[in-house]
Amino acid sequence: MNLLTPDPGLVFWTGLTFIILVFVLKKYAWRPILHAVRLREHTIKYALATAEQSQQEAERTEKLKKKTLAKAALERDRLITEARELKATIIEDAKKSAQKEADKIIETTRLMLTKEKEDVMRQMKEQVALLSVDIAGKLLEQELKTTVKQKELINKYLEEMSFN
C-alpha cells in the first residue's frame, strides 16, 4: 500500500460519509447554528450600541458636570466679591458714623467748654469787681497822703486775696 495513492473504495466511502454528514448538518444543525450565530451577532451589536450610547451619555454627563462646576465657581467668585464689597461698605459706613459721632461729641464738648469759660470769666469779673470795691472801700477808710503808701496798701491787699 502506497500512502500517496488513495484506495478508490476508501475515497468513495469517505465522500459518501461526508455528503451524508453535510446533509444531516444542513437539515438539522445548520439553521440552529446560524440562528445562534445571528443571535449572538445581534446581541454583540446591541451591546456595542448600548456601550457607545452609555459612553456618549457619560461624556454628556461629564460636560454637564464641568459646566455646572464652572457655573458654581463663577457664582462662588461673585458671592465672594459681593461679600467683600459689602464688608468694605459696612466698614466705610461704620467709620463715617463713628466720625460723625466723634464730631458731635467734640462739638458738644467745645460748646460746654465755651460755656464754662464764659461762666468762669463772669465769676472772675464778679470777684474782681467785689475785690475792687473792697479795696476801694479800705483805701477810702484810711487816710492816705502819699502815693507810695497807696501802692503798698494795694499790693498788700492783692497778696492777701486769693484768685482761685
Protein backbone atom coordinates (compact mmCIF):
# COMPACT_ATOMS: atom_id res chain seq x y z
CA MET A 1 0.00 0.00 0.00
CA ASN A 2 1.21 3.28 -1.07
CA LEU A 3 0.34 6.27 1.03
CA LEU A 4 0.34 8.62 -1.90
CA THR A 5 -2.21 6.75 -3.96
CA PRO A 6 -5.62 6.59 -2.33
CA ASP A 7 -7.74 3.47 -2.43
CA PRO A 8 -10.91 4.06 -4.56
CA GLY A 9 -13.16 2.32 -2.03
CA LEU A 10 -11.88 4.49 0.78
CA VAL A 11 -12.41 7.61 -1.28
CA PHE A 12 -15.95 6.53 -2.13
CA TRP A 13 -16.96 5.76 1.44
CA THR A 14 -15.27 8.91 2.81
CA GLY A 15 -17.05 11.05 0.19
CA LEU A 16 -20.40 9.36 0.91
CA THR A 17 -19.96 9.84 4.64
CA PHE A 18 -19.06 13.50 4.10
CA ILE A 19 -22.13 14.10 1.89
CA ILE A 20 -24.43 12.41 4.44
CA LEU A 21 -22.85 14.42 7.22
CA VAL A 22 -23.33 17.69 5.29
CA PHE A 23 -26.96 16.73 4.51
CA VAL A 24 -27.70 15.89 8.16
CA LEU A 25 -25.97 19.04 9.39
CA LYS A 26 -27.86 21.14 6.82
CA LYS A 27 -31.17 19.55 7.68
CA TYR A 28 -30.92 19.62 11.47
CA ALA A 29 -27.95 21.65 12.79
CA TRP A 30 -27.15 24.34 10.22
CA ARG A 31 -30.24 26.51 10.87
CA PRO A 32 -29.96 26.45 14.69
CA ILE A 33 -26.21 27.16 14.44
CA LEU A 34 -26.78 30.04 12.01
CA HIS A 35 -29.64 31.28 14.19
CA ALA A 36 -27.41 31.16 17.28
CA VAL A 37 -24.60 32.93 15.39
CA ARG A 38 -27.00 35.61 14.13
CA LEU A 39 -28.49 35.97 17.60
CA ARG A 40 -25.01 36.28 19.09
CA GLU A 41 -24.07 38.83 16.40
CA HIS A 42 -27.23 40.84 17.14
CA THR A 43 -26.54 40.67 20.88
CA ILE A 44 -22.96 41.87 20.34
CA LYS A 45 -24.15 44.72 18.07
CA TYR A 46 -26.76 45.69 20.68
CA ALA A 47 -24.18 45.57 23.46
CA LEU A 48 -21.79 47.70 21.37
CA ALA A 49 -24.56 50.21 20.59
CA THR A 50 -25.55 50.31 24.26
CA ALA A 51 -21.92 50.74 25.28
CA GLU A 52 -21.46 53.55 22.75
CA GLN A 53 -24.68 55.19 23.92
CA SER A 54 -23.56 54.83 27.53
CA GLN A 55 -20.20 56.35 26.64
CA GLN A 56 -21.91 59.28 24.90
CA GLU A 57 -24.19 59.72 27.90
CA ALA A 58 -21.15 59.64 30.20
CA GLU A 59 -19.44 62.28 28.03
CA ARG A 60 -22.59 64.44 28.13
CA THR A 61 -22.76 63.99 31.88
CA GLU A 62 -19.08 64.91 32.21
CA LYS A 63 -19.60 68.03 30.08
CA LEU A 64 -22.65 68.95 32.16
CA LYS A 65 -20.65 68.36 35.34
CA LYS A 66 -17.82 70.58 34.11
CA LYS A 67 -20.30 73.25 33.03
CA THR A 68 -22.07 73.08 36.40
CA LEU A 69 -18.75 73.27 38.25
CA ALA A 70 -17.73 76.28 36.16
CA LYS A 71 -21.06 77.99 36.92
CA ALA A 72 -20.65 77.18 40.61
CA ALA A 73 -17.12 78.60 40.59
CA LEU A 74 -18.35 81.78 38.91
CA GLU A 75 -21.21 82.08 41.40
CA ARG A 76 -18.80 81.48 44.29
CA ASP A 77 -16.45 84.16 42.97
CA ARG A 78 -19.37 86.55 42.51
CA LEU A 79 -20.61 85.92 46.04
CA ILE A 80 -17.12 86.40 47.47
CA THR A 81 -16.76 89.67 45.55
CA GLU A 82 -20.18 90.82 46.77
CA ALA A 83 -19.28 89.90 50.34
CA ARG A 84 -16.01 91.81 50.13
CA GLU A 85 -17.78 94.85 48.69
CA LEU A 86 -20.46 94.62 51.38
CA LYS A 87 -17.78 94.33 54.05
CA ALA A 88 -15.99 97.38 52.68
CA THR A 89 -19.28 99.32 52.54
CA ILE A 90 -20.16 98.34 56.11
CA ILE A 91 -16.71 99.31 57.35
CA GLU A 92 -16.86 102.63 55.50
CA ASP A 93 -20.34 103.33 56.87
CA ALA A 94 -19.18 102.46 60.38
CA LYS A 95 -16.18 104.78 60.00
CA LYS A 96 -18.39 107.62 58.78
CA SER A 97 -20.88 107.03 61.59
CA ALA A 98 -18.09 106.92 64.18
CA GLN A 99 -16.58 110.10 62.73
CA LYS A 100 -19.97 111.86 62.87
CA GLU A 101 -20.45 110.74 66.45
CA ALA A 102 -16.94 111.88 67.37
CA ASP A 103 -17.58 115.23 65.69
CA LYS A 104 -20.82 115.58 67.67
CA ILE A 105 -19.03 114.77 70.92
CA ILE A 106 -16.22 117.19 70.11
CA GLU A 107 -18.70 119.95 69.24
CA THR A 108 -20.71 119.30 72.39
CA THR A 109 -17.53 119.37 74.46
CA ARG A 110 -16.40 122.55 72.73
CA LEU A 111 -19.75 124.20 73.49
CA MET A 112 -19.58 123.07 77.11
CA LEU A 113 -16.04 124.38 77.46
CA THR A 114 -17.04 127.70 75.92
CA LYS A 115 -19.97 127.97 78.32
CA GLU A 116 -17.81 127.05 81.30
CA LYS A 117 -15.15 129.54 80.21
CA GLU A 118 -17.81 132.25 79.95
CA ASP A 119 -19.14 131.30 83.40
CA VAL A 120 -15.63 131.36 84.87
CA MET A 121 -14.91 134.72 83.23
CA ARG A 122 -18.21 136.10 84.57
CA GLN A 123 -17.42 134.82 88.06
CA MET A 124 -13.90 136.25 87.87
CA LYS A 125 -15.28 139.61 86.80
CA GLU A 126 -17.70 139.49 89.69
CA GLN A 127 -14.88 138.64 92.10
CA VAL A 128 -12.63 141.32 90.65
CA ALA A 129 -15.45 143.83 90.98
CA LEU A 130 -16.07 142.75 94.58
CA LEU A 131 -12.37 142.89 95.34
CA SER A 132 -12.10 146.29 93.70
CA VAL A 133 -14.99 147.55 95.78
CA ASP A 134 -13.41 146.08 98.95
CA ILE A 135 -10.02 147.61 98.14
CA ALA A 136 -11.56 150.94 97.28
CA GLY A 137 -13.55 150.89 100.49
CA LYS A 138 -10.48 150.07 102.55
CA LEU A 139 -8.48 152.68 100.73
CA LEU A 140 -11.10 155.26 101.35
CA GLU A 141 -11.30 154.35 105.01
CA GLN A 142 -7.67 155.12 105.57
CA GLU A 143 -6.07 158.39 105.15
CA LEU A 144 -3.51 158.05 102.53
CA LYS A 145 -1.35 161.01 101.99
CA THR A 146 1.30 159.68 99.65
CA THR A 147 1.02 157.56 96.53
CA VAL A 148 3.78 155.25 97.74
CA LYS A 149 1.70 154.38 100.75
CA GLN A 150 -1.31 153.77 98.46
CA LYS A 151 0.71 151.42 96.26
CA GLU A 152 2.00 149.47 99.25
CA LEU A 153 -1.50 149.10 100.61
CA ILE A 154 -2.87 147.94 97.25
CA ASN A 155 -0.07 145.37 96.85
CA LYS A 156 -0.63 144.14 100.40
CA TYR A 157 -4.37 143.61 99.79
CA LEU A 158 -3.72 141.94 96.44
CA GLU A 159 -1.35 139.46 98.05
CA GLU A 160 -3.87 138.69 100.74
CA MET A 161 -6.60 137.97 98.17
CA SER A 162 -6.66 134.62 96.52
CA PHE A 163 -7.85 134.35 92.88
CA ASN A 164 -8.56 130.65 92.94
